[in-house]
Amino acid sequence: MPGLPVQGPPGRRLRRSRPSRMVTYLAAPLRPGRRTMETESRHELRAKLEQLRVEHRDLDLAISRLAEDPLTHELQLKRLKKRKLQIKDYIAKLESRLIPDLDA
């Protein structure tokens, strides 16, 4: 029916039959003890950060052990170092997302 709102999650936009019609929904009021999407995503980011830090640490140990071994393939060592650097960059990116923006 044309005048009725489409049911959907709070704060999301849904498409109707025609792409030109977009409907925005207001978020439900917060209840005590209820986590917001922002809080949940912060928890997810922190968990991902911890996982990446562990992987970075493990790669560091593996690289140092392989560097001592004279029979190690240089290509394998370079790939591990590259992966370690990618993880470090991703960690920095996630950490910057956790820091709130300050208005100057």
Foldseek 3Di string as FASTA:
>chain_A
DPPDDDDDAAQDWDADPDNVDIDHHHHDDDDPPDDDPVRVVLVVLVVVLVVLVVVLVVLVVVLVVLVPDPPRDPVVSVVSVVVSVVSVVVSVVSVVVNDDDDDD
